[in-house]
C-alpha atoms as a PDB file:
ATOM      1  CA  MET A   1      29.080 -54.051  -8.696  1.00  0.00           C
ATOM      2  CA  VAL A   2      28.953 -51.396 -11.435  1.00  0.00           C
ATOM      3  CA  PRO A   3      29.775 -53.108 -14.747  1.00  0.00           C
ATOM      4  CA  LEU A   4      33.101 -52.567 -16.460  1.00  0.00           C
ATOM      5  CA  ARG A   5      33.204 -52.107 -20.238  1.00  0.00           C
ATOM      6  CA  THR A   6      35.462 -55.081 -20.788  1.00  0.00           C
ATOM      7  CA  ASN A   7      35.442 -54.854 -24.586  1.00  0.00           C
ATOM      8  CA  GLU A   8      36.644 -51.251 -24.488  1.00  0.00           C
ATOM      9  CA  LEU A   9      39.374 -52.117 -22.010  1.00  0.00           C
ATOM     10  CA  LYS A  10      40.551 -54.976 -24.239  1.00  0.00           C
ATOM     11  CA  ALA A  11      40.417 -52.663 -27.273  1.00  0.00           C
ATOM     12  CA  GLU A  12      42.618 -50.088 -25.511  1.00  0.00           C
ATOM     13  CA  ARG A  13      45.115 -52.812 -24.651  1.00  0.00           C
ATOM     14  CA  ALA A  14      45.126 -54.017 -28.278  1.00  0.00           C
ATOM     15  CA  ARG A  15      45.464 -50.446 -29.645  1.00  0.00           C
ATOM     16  CA  ASN A  16      48.596 -50.119 -27.572  1.00  0.00           C
ATOM     17  CA  GLY A  17      49.978 -53.448 -28.802  1.00  0.00           C
ATOM     18  CA  LEU A  18      50.065 -54.906 -25.304  1.00  0.00           C
ATOM     19  CA  ARG A  19      49.362 -58.392 -24.011  1.00  0.00           C
ATOM     20  CA  GLN A  20      47.733 -59.097 -20.673  1.00  0.00           C
ATOM     21  CA  GLU A  21      51.170 -60.100 -19.379  1.00  0.00           C
ATOM     22  CA  ASP A  22      52.567 -56.695 -20.356  1.00  0.00           C
ATOM     23  CA  VAL A  23      49.808 -54.771 -18.613  1.00  0.00           C
ATOM     24  CA  ALA A  24      49.964 -56.988 -15.532  1.00  0.00           C
ATOM     25  CA  ALA A  25      53.718 -56.406 -15.247  1.00  0.00           C
ATOM     26  CA  ALA A  26      53.261 -52.634 -15.621  1.00  0.00           C
ATOM     27  CA  LEU A  27      50.656 -52.681 -12.834  1.00  0.00           C
ATOM     28  CA  GLY A  28      52.717 -54.987 -10.609  1.00  0.00           C
ATOM     29  CA  ILE A  29      50.098 -57.766 -10.517  1.00  0.00           C
ATOM     30  CA  THR A  30      49.958 -61.299 -11.872  1.00  0.00           C
ATOM     31  CA  LYS A  31      48.581 -62.064 -15.326  1.00  0.00           C
ATOM     32  CA  ALA A  32      45.869 -64.205 -13.710  1.00  0.00           C
ATOM     33  CA  ASN A  33      44.827 -61.299 -11.494  1.00  0.00           C
ATOM     34  CA  TYR A  34      44.819 -58.867 -14.429  1.00  0.00           C
ATOM     35  CA  SER A  35      42.780 -61.291 -16.525  1.00  0.00           C
ATOM     36  CA  LYS A  36      40.100 -61.470 -13.823  1.00  0.00           C
ATOM     37  CA  LYS A  37      40.052 -57.697 -13.561  1.00  0.00           C
ATOM     38  CA  GLU A  38      39.839 -57.229 -17.323  1.00  0.00           C
ATOM     39  CA  LYS A  39      36.891 -59.645 -17.416  1.00  0.00           C
ATOM     40  CA  GLY A  40      35.166 -57.696 -14.647  1.00  0.00           C
ATOM     41  CA  VAL A  41      35.317 -60.580 -12.161  1.00  0.00           C
ATOM     42  CA  ILE A  42      37.198 -58.452  -9.628  1.00  0.00           C
ATOM     43  CA  ARG A  43      37.642 -54.686  -9.465  1.00  0.00           C
ATOM     44  CA  PHE A  44      40.661 -52.619 -10.331  1.00  0.00           C
ATOM     45  CA  THR A  45      42.030 -50.498  -7.503  1.00  0.00           C
ATOM     46  CA  GLY A  46      42.171 -46.739  -7.918  1.00  0.00           C
ATOM     47  CA  ALA A  47      45.945 -46.906  -8.342  1.00  0.00           C
ATOM     48  CA  GLU A  48      45.552 -49.573 -11.042  1.00  0.00           C
ATOM     49  CA  MET A  49      43.012 -47.421 -12.895  1.00  0.00           C
ATOM     50  CA  VAL A  50      45.447 -44.499 -12.851  1.00  0.00           C
ATOM     51  CA  GLY A  51      48.199 -46.845 -14.038  1.00  0.00           C
ATOM     52  CA  LEU A  52      46.011 -47.981 -16.942  1.00  0.00           C
ATOM     53  CA  MET A  53      45.209 -44.378 -17.859  1.00  0.00           C
ATOM     54  CA  LYS A  54      48.922 -43.610 -18.062  1.00  0.00           C
ATOM     55  CA  LEU A  55      49.817 -46.843 -19.839  1.00  0.00           C
ATOM     56  CA  PHE A  56      47.038 -46.474 -22.440  1.00  0.00           C
ATOM     57  CA  ARG A  57      47.368 -42.655 -22.589  1.00  0.00           C
ATOM     58  CA  ILE A  58      43.638 -42.092 -22.099  1.00  0.00           C
ATOM     59  CA  SER A  59      41.817 -39.159 -20.543  1.00  0.00           C
ATOM     60  CA  ILE A  60      39.875 -39.215 -17.310  1.00  0.00           C
ATOM     61  CA  ASP A  61      36.654 -39.060 -19.351  1.00  0.00           C
ATOM     62  CA  GLN A  62      37.685 -42.106 -21.388  1.00  0.00           C
ATOM     63  CA  ALA A  63      38.647 -43.925 -18.188  1.00  0.00           C
ATOM     64  CA  ASN A  64      35.329 -43.062 -16.552  1.00  0.00           C
ATOM     65  CA  ASP A  65      33.500 -44.409 -19.586  1.00  0.00           C
ATOM     66  CA  ILE A  66      35.410 -47.701 -19.323  1.00  0.00           C
ATOM     67  CA  PHE A  67      35.437 -48.172 -15.543  1.00  0.00           C
ATOM     68  CA  PHE A  68      32.141 -46.516 -14.585  1.00  0.00           C
ATOM     69  CA  PRO A  69      29.796 -46.824 -17.596  1.00  0.00           C
ATOM     70  CA  GLU A  70      26.683 -46.574 -15.435  1.00  0.00           C
ATOM     71  CA  ILE A  71      27.637 -43.157 -14.054  1.00  0.00           C
ATOM     72  CA  VAL A  72      26.535 -40.187 -16.147  1.00  0.00           C
ATOM     73  CA  PRO A  73      27.157 -36.465 -15.641  1.00  0.00           C
ATOM     74  CA  ILE A  74      24.185 -34.204 -14.980  1.00  0.00           C
ATOM     75  CA  GLY A  75      25.375 -30.630 -14.821  1.00  0.00           C
ATOM     76  CA  ASN A  76      28.005 -30.520 -12.091  1.00  0.00           C
ATOM     77  CA  GLU A  77      26.861 -33.787 -10.497  1.00  0.00           C
ATOM     78  CA  TYR A  78      26.784 -37.468 -11.387  1.00  0.00           C
ATOM     79  CA  CYS A  79      24.014 -40.038 -11.306  1.00  0.00           C
ATOM     80  CA  LEU A  80      23.655 -43.764 -11.970  1.00  0.00           C
ATOM     81  CA  ARG A  81      21.807 -44.598 -15.214  1.00  0.00           C
ATOM     82  CA  THR A  82      19.470 -46.856 -13.223  1.00  0.00           C
ATOM     83  CA  GLU A  83      18.560 -43.921 -10.999  1.00  0.00           C
ATOM     84  CA  LEU A  84      17.865 -41.768 -14.051  1.00  0.00           C
ATOM     85  CA  LYS A  85      15.528 -44.439 -15.419  1.00  0.00           C
ATOM     86  CA  ARG A  86      13.679 -44.556 -12.086  1.00  0.00           C
ATOM     87  CA  LEU A  87      13.367 -40.766 -12.004  1.00  0.00           C
ATOM     88  CA  ASP A  88      12.009 -40.729 -15.573  1.00  0.00           C
ATOM     89  CA  HIS A  89       9.190 -43.068 -14.517  1.00  0.00           C
ATOM     90  CA  ASP A  90       8.178 -41.112 -11.391  1.00  0.00           C
END
């Protein structure tokens, strides 16, 4: 699983003055389920990610940085950081 930047997700929630219960209710999931997702134990669905973007008022770039920190843009394409490291050593 690609790691989630849990600290940044928590910081966005705090910046918006929301509790886990608030976010869970906005997404239509239980607090327990949201807590696991925020900790990176289970993944957010695409619809939940869009819901978080709207709730936190963040851009797609900010969301990508939180949800997909290992994916980096290279021109018009994207690559995993681990792949970049491998390519640098070849």
